[in-house]
PDB file of all heavy atoms in Angstrom:
ATOM      1  N   LEU A   1     -25.519 -46.270 -41.351  1.00  0.00           N
ATOM      2  CA  LEU A   1     -25.146 -46.094 -40.005  1.00  0.00           C
ATOM      3  C   LEU A   1     -26.037 -45.132 -39.250  1.00  0.00           C
ATOM      4  O   LEU A   1     -26.332 -45.242 -38.000  1.00  0.00           O
ATOM      5  CB  LEU A   1     -23.538 -45.523 -39.971  1.00  0.00           C
ATOM      6  CG  LEU A   1     -22.547 -46.566 -40.316  1.00  0.00           C
ATOM      7  CD1 LEU A   1     -21.192 -45.904 -40.468  1.00  0.00           C
ATOM      8  CD2 LEU A   1     -22.458 -47.715 -39.279  1.00  0.00           C
ATOM      9  N   CYS A   2     -26.548 -44.144 -40.018  1.00  0.00           N
ATOM     10  CA  CYS A   2     -27.568 -43.189 -39.469  1.00  0.00           C
ATOM     11  C   CYS A   2     -28.778 -43.973 -39.039  1.00  0.00           C
ATOM     12  O   CYS A   2     -29.267 -43.765 -37.993  1.00  0.00           O
ATOM     13  CB  CYS A   2     -27.812 -42.032 -40.416  1.00  0.00           C
ATOM     14  SG  CYS A   2     -26.537 -40.812 -40.601  1.00  0.00           S
ATOM     15  N   LEU A   3     -29.277 -44.726 -40.006  1.00  0.00           N
ATOM     16  CA  LEU A   3     -30.479 -45.538 -39.694  1.00  0.00           C
ATOM     17  C   LEU A   3     -30.338 -46.383 -38.546  1.00  0.00           C
ATOM     18  O   LEU A   3     -31.292 -46.485 -37.690  1.00  0.00           O
ATOM     19  CB  LEU A   3     -30.893 -46.312 -40.966  1.00  0.00           C
ATOM     20  CG  LEU A   3     -31.619 -45.573 -42.137  1.00  0.00           C
ATOM     21  CD1 LEU A   3     -31.776 -46.487 -43.341  1.00  0.00           C
ATOM     22  CD2 LEU A   3     -32.938 -45.064 -41.629  1.00  0.00           C
ATOM     23  N   LYS A   4     -29.219 -47.017 -38.460  1.00  0.00           N
ATOM     24  CA  LYS A   4     -29.031 -47.989 -37.350  1.00  0.00           C
ATOM     25  C   LYS A   4     -28.983 -47.232 -35.958  1.00  0.00           C
ATOM     26  O   LYS A   4     -29.597 -47.625 -35.038  1.00  0.00           O
ATOM     27  CB  LYS A   4     -27.669 -48.690 -37.462  1.00  0.00           C
ATOM     28  CG  LYS A   4     -27.490 -49.548 -38.557  1.00  0.00           C
ATOM     29  CD  LYS A   4     -28.423 -50.938 -38.473  1.00  0.00           C
ATOM     30  CE  LYS A   4     -27.757 -51.866 -37.504  1.00  0.00           C
ATOM     31  NZ  LYS A   4     -28.497 -53.084 -37.299  1.00  0.00           N
ATOM     32  N   GLU A   5     -28.394 -46.131 -35.872  1.00  0.00           N
ATOM     33  CA  GLU A   5     -28.189 -45.309 -34.803  1.00  0.00           C
ATOM     34  C   GLU A   5     -29.677 -44.787 -34.396  1.00  0.00           C
ATOM     35  O   GLU A   5     -29.876 -44.576 -33.244  1.00  0.00           O
ATOM     36  CB  GLU A   5     -27.284 -44.129 -34.941  1.00  0.00           C
ATOM     37  CG  GLU A   5     -27.005 -43.410 -33.634  1.00  0.00           C
ATOM     38  CD  GLU A   5     -25.952 -42.329 -33.734  1.00  0.00           C
ATOM     39  OE1 GLU A   5     -24.827 -42.581 -34.390  1.00  0.00           O
ATOM     40  OE2 GLU A   5     -26.143 -41.315 -33.174  1.00  0.00           O
ATOM     41  N   MET A   6     -30.433 -44.530 -35.451  1.00  0.00           N
ATOM     42  CA  MET A   6     -31.834 -43.956 -35.142  1.00  0.00           C
ATOM     43  C   MET A   6     -32.814 -45.092 -34.813  1.00  0.00           C
ATOM     44  O   MET A   6     -34.031 -44.721 -34.661  1.00  0.00           O
ATOM     45  CB  MET A   6     -32.225 -43.233 -36.377  1.00  0.00           C
ATOM     46  CG  MET A   6     -31.584 -41.845 -36.644  1.00  0.00           C
ATOM     47  SD  MET A   6     -31.849 -41.152 -38.309  1.00  0.00           S
ATOM     48  CE  MET A   6     -33.668 -40.734 -38.119  1.00  0.00           C
ATOM     49  N   GLY A   7     -32.348 -46.304 -34.744  1.00  0.00           N
ATOM     50  CA  GLY A   7     -33.155 -47.384 -34.284  1.00  0.00           C
ATOM     51  C   GLY A   7     -33.788 -48.288 -35.452  1.00  0.00           C
ATOM     52  O   GLY A   7     -34.645 -49.278 -35.140  1.00  0.00           O
ATOM     53  N   TYR A   8     -33.443 -47.966 -36.664  1.00  0.00           N
ATOM     54  CA  TYR A   8     -33.920 -48.904 -37.811  1.00  0.00           C
ATOM     55  C   TYR A   8     -33.174 -50.173 -37.937  1.00  0.00           C
ATOM     56  O   TYR A   8     -31.952 -49.962 -37.939  1.00  0.00           O
ATOM     57  CB  TYR A   8     -34.109 -48.080 -39.008  1.00  0.00           C
ATOM     58  CG  TYR A   8     -35.008 -47.023 -39.024  1.00  0.00           C
ATOM     59  CD1 TYR A   8     -34.794 -45.690 -38.546  1.00  0.00           C
ATOM     60  CD2 TYR A   8     -36.422 -47.162 -39.487  1.00  0.00           C
ATOM     61  CE1 TYR A   8     -35.723 -44.647 -38.500  1.00  0.00           C
ATOM     62  CE2 TYR A   8     -37.391 -46.082 -39.511  1.00  0.00           C
ATOM     63  CZ  TYR A   8     -37.009 -44.956 -38.995  1.00  0.00           C
ATOM     64  OH  TYR A   8     -37.918 -43.818 -38.974  1.00  0.00           O
ATOM     65  N   GLY A   9     -33.840 -51.152 -38.230  1.00  0.00           N
ATOM     66  CA  GLY A   9     -33.067 -52.348 -38.656  1.00  0.00           C
ATOM     67  C   GLY A   9     -32.732 -52.268 -40.159  1.00  0.00           C
ATOM     68  O   GLY A   9     -33.535 -51.886 -40.990  1.00  0.00           O
ATOM     69  N   VAL A  10     -31.529 -52.639 -40.489  1.00  0.00           N
ATOM     70  CA  VAL A  10     -31.168 -52.679 -41.877  1.00  0.00           C
ATOM     71  C   VAL A  10     -30.394 -53.965 -42.082  1.00  0.00           C
ATOM     72  O   VAL A  10     -29.306 -54.214 -41.651  1.00  0.00           O
ATOM     73  CB  VAL A  10     -30.210 -51.390 -42.199  1.00  0.00           C
ATOM     74  CG1 VAL A  10     -29.935 -51.546 -43.762  1.00  0.00           C
ATOM     75  CG2 VAL A  10     -30.821 -50.130 -41.838  1.00  0.00           C
ATOM     76  N   LYS A  11     -31.091 -54.806 -43.132  1.00  0.00           N
ATOM     77  CA  LYS A  11     -30.361 -56.073 -43.368  1.00  0.00           C
ATOM     78  C   LYS A  11     -29.754 -56.134 -44.604  1.00  0.00           C
ATOM     79  O   LYS A  11     -28.922 -56.733 -45.037  1.00  0.00           O
ATOM     80  CB  LYS A  11     -31.542 -57.222 -43.368  1.00  0.00           C
ATOM     81  CG  LYS A  11     -32.142 -57.519 -42.069  1.00  0.00           C
ATOM     82  CD  LYS A  11     -33.184 -58.474 -42.139  1.00  0.00           C
ATOM     83  CE  LYS A  11     -33.610 -58.909 -40.697  1.00  0.00           C
ATOM     84  NZ  LYS A  11     -34.863 -59.812 -40.812  1.00  0.00           N
ATOM     85  N   LYS A  12     -30.202 -55.124 -45.620  1.00  0.00           N
ATOM     86  CA  LYS A  12     -29.577 -55.034 -46.998  1.00  0.00           C
ATOM     87  C   LYS A  12     -29.379 -53.484 -47.287  1.00  0.00           C
ATOM     88  O   LYS A  12     -30.254 -52.707 -46.943  1.00  0.00           O
ATOM     89  CB  LYS A  12     -30.535 -55.614 -47.926  1.00  0.00           C
ATOM     90  CG  LYS A  12     -30.739 -57.180 -47.745  1.00  0.00           C
ATOM     91  CD  LYS A  12     -31.602 -57.640 -48.906  1.00  0.00           C
ATOM     92  CE  LYS A  12     -32.524 -58.699 -48.448  1.00  0.00           C
ATOM     93  NZ  LYS A  12     -33.557 -59.087 -49.517  1.00  0.00           N
ATOM     94  N   ILE A  13     -28.325 -53.428 -48.075  1.00  0.00           N
ATOM     95  CA  ILE A  13     -28.219 -51.955 -48.780  1.00  0.00           C
ATOM     96  C   ILE A  13     -27.887 -52.285 -50.176  1.00  0.00           C
ATOM     97  O   ILE A  13     -27.331 -53.235 -50.467  1.00  0.00           O
ATOM     98  CB  ILE A  13     -27.112 -51.192 -48.029  1.00  0.00           C
ATOM     99  CG1 ILE A  13     -25.715 -51.879 -48.116  1.00  0.00           C
ATOM    100  CG2 ILE A  13     -27.600 -50.881 -46.577  1.00  0.00           C
ATOM    101  CD1 ILE A  13     -24.601 -51.037 -47.418  1.00  0.00           C
ATOM    102  N   SER A  14     -28.264 -51.285 -50.947  1.00  0.00           N
ATOM    103  CA  SER A  14     -27.899 -51.469 -52.409  1.00  0.00           C
ATOM    104  C   SER A  14     -28.159 -50.065 -53.154  1.00  0.00           C
ATOM    105  O   SER A  14     -28.686 -49.155 -52.613  1.00  0.00           O
ATOM    106  CB  SER A  14     -28.978 -52.398 -53.134  1.00  0.00           C
ATOM    107  OG  SER A  14     -30.189 -51.907 -52.919  1.00  0.00           O
ATOM    108  N   PHE A  15     -27.553 -49.975 -54.345  1.00  0.00           N
ATOM    109  CA  PHE A  15     -27.797 -49.023 -55.254  1.00  0.00           C
ATOM    110  C   PHE A  15     -28.780 -49.514 -56.274  1.00  0.00           C
ATOM    111  O   PHE A  15     -28.966 -50.599 -56.703  1.00  0.00           O
ATOM    112  CB  PHE A  15     -26.484 -48.665 -55.985  1.00  0.00           C
ATOM    113  CG  PHE A  15     -25.409 -47.952 -55.241  1.00  0.00           C
ATOM    114  CD1 PHE A  15     -24.340 -48.630 -54.818  1.00  0.00           C
ATOM    115  CD2 PHE A  15     -25.538 -46.708 -54.810  1.00  0.00           C
ATOM    116  CE1 PHE A  15     -23.305 -48.039 -54.001  1.00  0.00           C
ATOM    117  CE2 PHE A  15     -24.600 -46.020 -54.017  1.00  0.00           C
ATOM    118  CZ  PHE A  15     -23.521 -46.774 -53.643  1.00  0.00           C
ATOM    119  N   TYR A  16     -29.592 -48.569 -56.713  1.00  0.00           N
ATOM    120  CA  TYR A  16     -30.563 -48.879 -57.723  1.00  0.00           C
ATOM    121  C   TYR A  16     -30.172 -47.802 -58.969  1.00  0.00           C
ATOM    122  O   TYR A  16     -30.298 -46.646 -58.772  1.00  0.00           O
ATOM    123  CB  TYR A  16     -32.026 -48.541 -57.334  1.00  0.00           C
ATOM    124  CG  TYR A  16     -32.986 -48.524 -58.500  1.00  0.00           C
ATOM    125  CD1 TYR A  16     -33.344 -49.846 -58.890  1.00  0.00           C
ATOM    126  CD2 TYR A  16     -33.574 -47.488 -58.943  1.00  0.00           C
ATOM    127  CE1 TYR A  16     -34.217 -49.919 -59.985  1.00  0.00           C
ATOM    128  CE2 TYR A  16     -34.505 -47.521 -59.945  1.00  0.00           C
ATOM    129  CZ  TYR A  16     -34.882 -48.760 -60.592  1.00  0.00           C
ATOM    130  OH  TYR A  16     -35.759 -48.805 -61.526  1.00  0.00           O
ATOM    131  N   GLU A  17     -29.856 -48.408 -60.067  1.00  0.00           N
ATOM    132  CA  GLU A  17     -29.522 -47.783 -61.245  1.00  0.00           C
ATOM    133  C   GLU A  17     -30.775 -47.495 -62.055  1.00  0.00           C
ATOM    134  O   GLU A  17     -31.250 -48.429 -62.705  1.00  0.00           O
ATOM    135  CB  GLU A  17     -28.329 -48.460 -62.126  1.00  0.00           C
ATOM    136  CG  GLU A  17     -27.919 -47.702 -63.227  1.00  0.00           C
ATOM    137  CD  GLU A  17     -26.809 -48.365 -64.021  1.00  0.00           C
ATOM    138  OE1 GLU A  17     -26.891 -49.633 -64.238  1.00  0.00           O
ATOM    139  OE2 GLU A  17     -25.822 -47.664 -64.311  1.00  0.00           O
ATOM    140  N   ILE A  18     -31.196 -46.317 -62.087  1.00  0.00           N
ATOM    141  CA  ILE A  18     -32.466 -45.956 -62.851  1.00  0.00           C
ATOM    142  C   ILE A  18     -32.392 -46.152 -64.284  1.00  0.00           C
ATOM    143  O   ILE A  18     -33.425 -46.749 -64.963  1.00  0.00           O
ATOM    144  CB  ILE A  18     -32.771 -44.384 -62.577  1.00  0.00           C
ATOM    145  CG1 ILE A  18     -33.156 -44.434 -61.005  1.00  0.00           C
ATOM    146  CG2 ILE A  18     -34.017 -44.049 -63.348  1.00  0.00           C
ATOM    147  CD1 ILE A  18     -33.103 -42.868 -60.530  1.00  0.00           C
ATOM    148  N   SER A  19     -31.255 -45.755 -64.864  1.00  0.00           N
ATOM    149  CA  SER A  19     -31.212 -45.959 -66.400  1.00  0.00           C
ATOM    150  C   SER A  19     -31.310 -47.403 -66.876  1.00  0.00           C
ATOM    151  O   SER A  19     -31.677 -47.672 -67.983  1.00  0.00           O
ATOM    152  CB  SER A  19     -29.930 -45.246 -66.872  1.00  0.00           C
ATOM    153  OG  SER A  19     -28.778 -46.034 -66.488  1.00  0.00           O
ATOM    154  N   THR A  20     -30.943 -48.435 -66.073  1.00  0.00           N
ATOM    155  CA  THR A  20     -30.992 -49.822 -66.423  1.00  0.00           C
ATOM    156  C   THR A  20     -32.082 -50.569 -65.597  1.00  0.00           C
ATOM    157  O   THR A  20     -32.199 -51.756 -65.937  1.00  0.00           O
ATOM    158  CB  THR A  20     -29.775 -50.458 -66.242  1.00  0.00           C
ATOM    159  OG1 THR A  20     -29.306 -50.435 -64.886  1.00  0.00           O
ATOM    160  CG2 THR A  20     -28.595 -49.808 -67.156  1.00  0.00           C
ATOM    161  N   ASN A  21     -32.598 -49.958 -64.750  1.00  0.00           N
ATOM    162  CA  ASN A  21     -33.638 -50.633 -63.823  1.00  0.00           C
ATOM    163  C   ASN A  21     -32.930 -51.882 -63.068  1.00  0.00           C
ATOM    164  O   ASN A  21     -33.676 -52.881 -63.012  1.00  0.00           O
ATOM    165  CB  ASN A  21     -34.850 -51.038 -64.592  1.00  0.00           C
ATOM    166  CG  ASN A  21     -36.050 -51.283 -63.748  1.00  0.00           C
ATOM    167  OD1 ASN A  21     -36.155 -50.813 -62.599  1.00  0.00           O
ATOM    168  ND2 ASN A  21     -36.853 -52.344 -64.204  1.00  0.00           N
ATOM    169  N   LYS A  22     -31.696 -51.620 -62.666  1.00  0.00           N
ATOM    170  CA  LYS A  22     -31.132 -52.652 -62.001  1.00  0.00           C
ATOM    171  C   LYS A  22     -30.678 -52.305 -60.563  1.00  0.00           C
ATOM    172  O   LYS A  22     -30.389 -51.124 -60.297  1.00  0.00           O
ATOM    173  CB  LYS A  22     -29.725 -53.025 -62.667  1.00  0.00           C
ATOM    174  CG  LYS A  22     -29.925 -53.726 -63.997  1.00  0.00           C
ATOM    175  CD  LYS A  22     -28.603 -54.025 -64.678  1.00  0.00           C
ATOM    176  CE  LYS A  22     -28.717 -54.751 -66.101  1.00  0.00           C
ATOM    177  NZ  LYS A  22     -27.426 -54.981 -66.622  1.00  0.00           N
ATOM    178  N   THR A  23     -30.849 -53.361 -59.726  1.00  0.00           N
ATOM    179  CA  THR A  23     -30.501 -53.148 -58.308  1.00  0.00           C
ATOM    180  C   THR A  23     -29.058 -53.723 -58.139  1.00  0.00           C
ATOM    181  O   THR A  23     -28.829 -54.880 -58.570  1.00  0.00           O
ATOM    182  CB  THR A  23     -31.458 -53.855 -57.344  1.00  0.00           C
ATOM    183  OG1 THR A  23     -32.765 -53.270 -57.460  1.00  0.00           O
ATOM    184  CG2 THR A  23     -31.005 -53.755 -55.939  1.00  0.00           C
ATOM    185  N   LEU A  24     -28.279 -52.950 -57.435  1.00  0.00           N
ATOM    186  CA  LEU A  24     -26.765 -53.413 -57.234  1.00  0.00           C
ATOM    187  C   LEU A  24     -26.533 -53.554 -55.805  1.00  0.00           C
ATOM    188  O   LEU A  24     -26.270 -52.522 -55.046  1.00  0.00           O
ATOM    189  CB  LEU A  24     -25.760 -52.438 -57.864  1.00  0.00           C
ATOM    190  CG  LEU A  24     -26.029 -52.118 -59.371  1.00  0.00           C
ATOM    191  CD1 LEU A  24     -25.405 -50.834 -59.850  1.00  0.00           C
ATOM    192  CD2 LEU A  24     -25.596 -53.286 -60.324  1.00  0.00           C
ATOM    193  N   PRO A  25     -26.665 -54.830 -55.281  1.00  0.00           N
ATOM    194  CA  PRO A  25     -26.462 -54.993 -53.812  1.00  0.00           C
ATOM    195  C   PRO A  25     -25.110 -54.686 -53.451  1.00  0.00           C
ATOM    196  O   PRO A  25     -24.167 -54.929 -54.097  1.00  0.00           O
ATOM    197  CB  PRO A  25     -26.847 -56.542 -53.578  1.00  0.00           C
ATOM    198  CG  PRO A  25     -27.279 -56.993 -54.777  1.00  0.00           C
ATOM    199  CD  PRO A  25     -26.982 -56.120 -55.895  1.00  0.00           C
ATOM    200  N   ILE A  26     -24.899 -54.135 -52.192  1.00  0.00           N
ATOM    201  CA  ILE A  26     -23.665 -53.925 -51.685  1.00  0.00           C
ATOM    202  C   ILE A  26     -23.483 -54.595 -50.196  1.00  0.00           C
ATOM    203  O   ILE A  26     -24.588 -54.640 -49.608  1.00  0.00           O
ATOM    204  CB  ILE A  26     -23.470 -52.339 -51.354  1.00  0.00           C
ATOM    205  CG1 ILE A  26     -23.625 -51.552 -52.720  1.00  0.00           C
ATOM    206  CG2 ILE A  26     -22.228 -51.966 -50.714  1.00  0.00           C
ATOM    207  CD1 ILE A  26     -22.572 -51.854 -53.784  1.00  0.00           C
ATOM    208  N   ASN A  27     -22.391 -55.111 -50.023  1.00  0.00           N
ATOM    209  CA  ASN A  27     -22.242 -55.757 -48.602  1.00  0.00           C
ATOM    210  C   ASN A  27     -22.416 -54.698 -47.508  1.00  0.00           C
ATOM    211  O   ASN A  27     -21.964 -53.612 -47.601  1.00  0.00           O
ATOM    212  CB  ASN A  27     -20.897 -56.421 -48.414  1.00  0.00           C
ATOM    213  CG  ASN A  27     -20.801 -57.636 -49.386  1.00  0.00           C
ATOM    214  OD1 ASN A  27     -21.750 -58.211 -49.783  1.00  0.00           O
ATOM    215  ND2 ASN A  27     -19.553 -57.867 -49.828  1.00  0.00           N
ATOM    216  N   LEU A  28     -23.123 -55.232 -46.364  1.00  0.00           N
ATOM    217  CA  LEU A  28     -23.069 -54.337 -45.230  1.00  0.00           C
ATOM    218  C   LEU A  28     -21.755 -54.041 -44.706  1.00  0.00           C
ATOM    219  O   LEU A  28     -20.898 -55.102 -44.814  1.00  0.00           O
ATOM    220  CB  LEU A  28     -23.990 -54.935 -44.046  1.00  0.00           C
ATOM    221  CG  LEU A  28     -25.436 -55.108 -44.407  1.00  0.00           C
ATOM    222  CD1 LEU A  28     -26.119 -55.993 -43.239  1.00  0.00           C
ATOM    223  CD2 LEU A  28     -26.013 -53.881 -44.566  1.00  0.00           C
ATOM    224  N   PRO A  29     -21.448 -52.989 -44.148  1.00  0.00           N
ATOM    225  CA  PRO A  29     -20.007 -52.652 -43.675  1.00  0.00           C
ATOM    226  C   PRO A  29     -19.680 -53.593 -42.513  1.00  0.00           C
ATOM    227  O   PRO A  29     -20.456 -53.751 -41.635  1.00  0.00           O
ATOM    228  CB  PRO A  29     -20.225 -51.234 -43.197  1.00  0.00           C
ATOM    229  CG  PRO A  29     -21.472 -50.936 -43.065  1.00  0.00           C
ATOM    230  CD  PRO A  29     -22.318 -51.864 -43.915  1.00  0.00           C
ATOM    231  N   THR A  30     -18.512 -54.057 -42.540  1.00  0.00           N
ATOM    232  CA  THR A  30     -17.983 -54.918 -41.464  1.00  0.00           C
ATOM    233  C   THR A  30     -17.274 -53.919 -40.335  1.00  0.00           C
ATOM    234  O   THR A  30     -17.302 -52.755 -40.545  1.00  0.00           O
ATOM    235  CB  THR A  30     -16.834 -55.748 -42.011  1.00  0.00           C
ATOM    236  OG1 THR A  30     -15.680 -54.993 -42.460  1.00  0.00           O
ATOM    237  CG2 THR A  30     -17.228 -56.684 -43.074  1.00  0.00           C
ATOM    238  N   LYS A  31     -16.909 -54.481 -39.379  1.00  0.00           N
ATOM    239  CA  LYS A  31     -16.153 -53.740 -38.376  1.00  0.00           C
ATOM    240  C   LYS A  31     -14.936 -52.940 -38.938  1.00  0.00           C
ATOM    241  O   LYS A  31     -14.683 -51.826 -38.619  1.00  0.00           O
ATOM    242  CB  LYS A  31     -15.723 -54.521 -37.186  1.00  0.00           C
ATOM    243  CG  LYS A  31     -16.857 -55.008 -36.288  1.00  0.00           C
ATOM    244  CD  LYS A  31     -16.330 -55.691 -35.075  1.00  0.00           C
ATOM    245  CE  LYS A  31     -17.530 -56.198 -34.227  1.00  0.00           C
ATOM    246  NZ  LYS A  31     -17.119 -56.894 -33.074  1.00  0.00           N
ATOM    247  N   ASP A  32     -14.188 -53.551 -39.791  1.00  0.00           N
ATOM    248  CA  ASP A  32     -13.017 -52.989 -40.500  1.00  0.00           C
ATOM    249  C   ASP A  32     -13.489 -51.817 -41.307  1.00  0.00           C
ATOM    250  O   ASP A  32     -12.855 -50.798 -41.417  1.00  0.00           O
ATOM    251  CB  ASP A  32     -12.219 -53.990 -41.259  1.00  0.00           C
ATOM    252  CG  ASP A  32     -11.470 -54.898 -40.395  1.00  0.00           C
ATOM    253  OD1 ASP A  32     -11.161 -54.610 -39.054  1.00  0.00           O
ATOM    254  OD2 ASP A  32     -11.006 -56.068 -40.783  1.00  0.00           O
ATOM    255  N   ASP A  33     -14.710 -52.118 -41.932  1.00  0.00           N
ATOM    256  CA  ASP A  33     -15.141 -51.044 -42.968  1.00  0.00           C
ATOM    257  C   ASP A  33     -15.570 -49.949 -42.121  1.00  0.00           C
ATOM    258  O   ASP A  33     -15.406 -48.711 -42.514  1.00  0.00           O
ATOM    259  CB  ASP A  33     -16.420 -51.627 -43.701  1.00  0.00           C
ATOM    260  CG  ASP A  33     -16.037 -52.624 -44.691  1.00  0.00           C
ATOM    261  OD1 ASP A  33     -14.954 -52.702 -45.218  1.00  0.00           O
ATOM    262  OD2 ASP A  33     -16.863 -53.440 -45.038  1.00  0.00           O
ATOM    263  N   ILE A  34     -16.174 -50.089 -40.941  1.00  0.00           N
ATOM    264  CA  ILE A  34     -16.681 -49.043 -40.050  1.00  0.00           C
ATOM    265  C   ILE A  34     -15.476 -48.118 -39.542  1.00  0.00           C
ATOM    266  O   ILE A  34     -15.536 -46.990 -39.522  1.00  0.00           O
ATOM    267  CB  ILE A  34     -17.693 -49.555 -38.950  1.00  0.00           C
ATOM    268  CG1 ILE A  34     -18.939 -50.036 -39.709  1.00  0.00           C
ATOM    269  CG2 ILE A  34     -18.023 -48.325 -37.938  1.00  0.00           C
ATOM    270  CD1 ILE A  34     -19.948 -50.765 -38.666  1.00  0.00           C
ATOM    271  N   LYS A  35     -14.339 -48.835 -39.209  1.00  0.00           N
ATOM    272  CA  LYS A  35     -13.138 -48.243 -38.844  1.00  0.00           C
ATOM    273  C   LYS A  35     -12.723 -47.350 -40.104  1.00  0.00           C
ATOM    274  O   LYS A  35     -12.223 -46.081 -39.789  1.00  0.00           O
ATOM    275  CB  LYS A  35     -12.153 -49.334 -38.256  1.00  0.00           C
ATOM    276  CG  LYS A  35     -10.903 -48.754 -38.064  1.00  0.00           C
ATOM    277  CD  LYS A  35     -10.631 -47.953 -36.848  1.00  0.00           C
ATOM    278  CE  LYS A  35      -9.306 -47.715 -36.430  1.00  0.00           C
ATOM    279  NZ  LYS A  35      -8.783 -46.285 -36.640  1.00  0.00           N
ATOM    280  N   GLU A  36     -12.670 -47.907 -41.129  1.00  0.00           N
ATOM    281  CA  GLU A  36     -12.129 -47.259 -42.377  1.00  0.00           C
ATOM    282  C   GLU A  36     -12.996 -45.960 -42.591  1.00  0.00           C
ATOM    283  O   GLU A  36     -12.503 -44.876 -42.776  1.00  0.00           O
ATOM    284  CB  GLU A  36     -12.202 -48.025 -43.592  1.00  0.00           C
ATOM    285  CG  GLU A  36     -11.950 -47.289 -44.897  1.00  0.00           C
ATOM    286  CD  GLU A  36     -12.206 -48.248 -46.121  1.00  0.00           C
ATOM    287  OE1 GLU A  36     -12.197 -49.392 -46.003  1.00  0.00           O
ATOM    288  OE2 GLU A  36     -12.473 -47.655 -47.040  1.00  0.00           O
ATOM    289  N   PHE A  37     -14.365 -46.036 -42.422  1.00  0.00           N
ATOM    290  CA  PHE A  37     -15.230 -44.968 -42.526  1.00  0.00           C
ATOM    291  C   PHE A  37     -14.958 -43.882 -41.487  1.00  0.00           C
ATOM    292  O   PHE A  37     -14.934 -42.677 -41.824  1.00  0.00           O
ATOM    293  CB  PHE A  37     -16.768 -45.503 -42.521  1.00  0.00           C
ATOM    294  CG  PHE A  37     -17.722 -44.321 -42.585  1.00  0.00           C
ATOM    295  CD1 PHE A  37     -18.009 -43.805 -43.784  1.00  0.00           C
ATOM    296  CD2 PHE A  37     -18.379 -43.915 -41.445  1.00  0.00           C
ATOM    297  CE1 PHE A  37     -18.935 -42.792 -43.946  1.00  0.00           C
ATOM    298  CE2 PHE A  37     -19.370 -42.927 -41.621  1.00  0.00           C
ATOM    299  CZ  PHE A  37     -19.614 -42.338 -42.764  1.00  0.00           C
ATOM    300  N   SER A  38     -14.882 -44.388 -40.237  1.00  0.00           N
ATOM    301  CA  SER A  38     -14.522 -43.332 -39.058  1.00  0.00           C
ATOM    302  C   SER A  38     -13.238 -42.677 -39.378  1.00  0.00           C
ATOM    303  O   SER A  38     -13.265 -41.407 -39.066  1.00  0.00           O
ATOM    304  CB  SER A  38     -14.600 -44.263 -37.885  1.00  0.00           C
ATOM    305  OG  SER A  38     -14.258 -43.353 -36.844  1.00  0.00           O
TER     306      SER A  38
END
């Protein structure tokens, strides 16, 4: 949300687990998710 407000495009978000060298994709927040966050 910070990046979006600052004018950056964000198409994907994920966690990267260093110990296993794995990327764990997370869904972008929906309107309901943003309401929950707010």
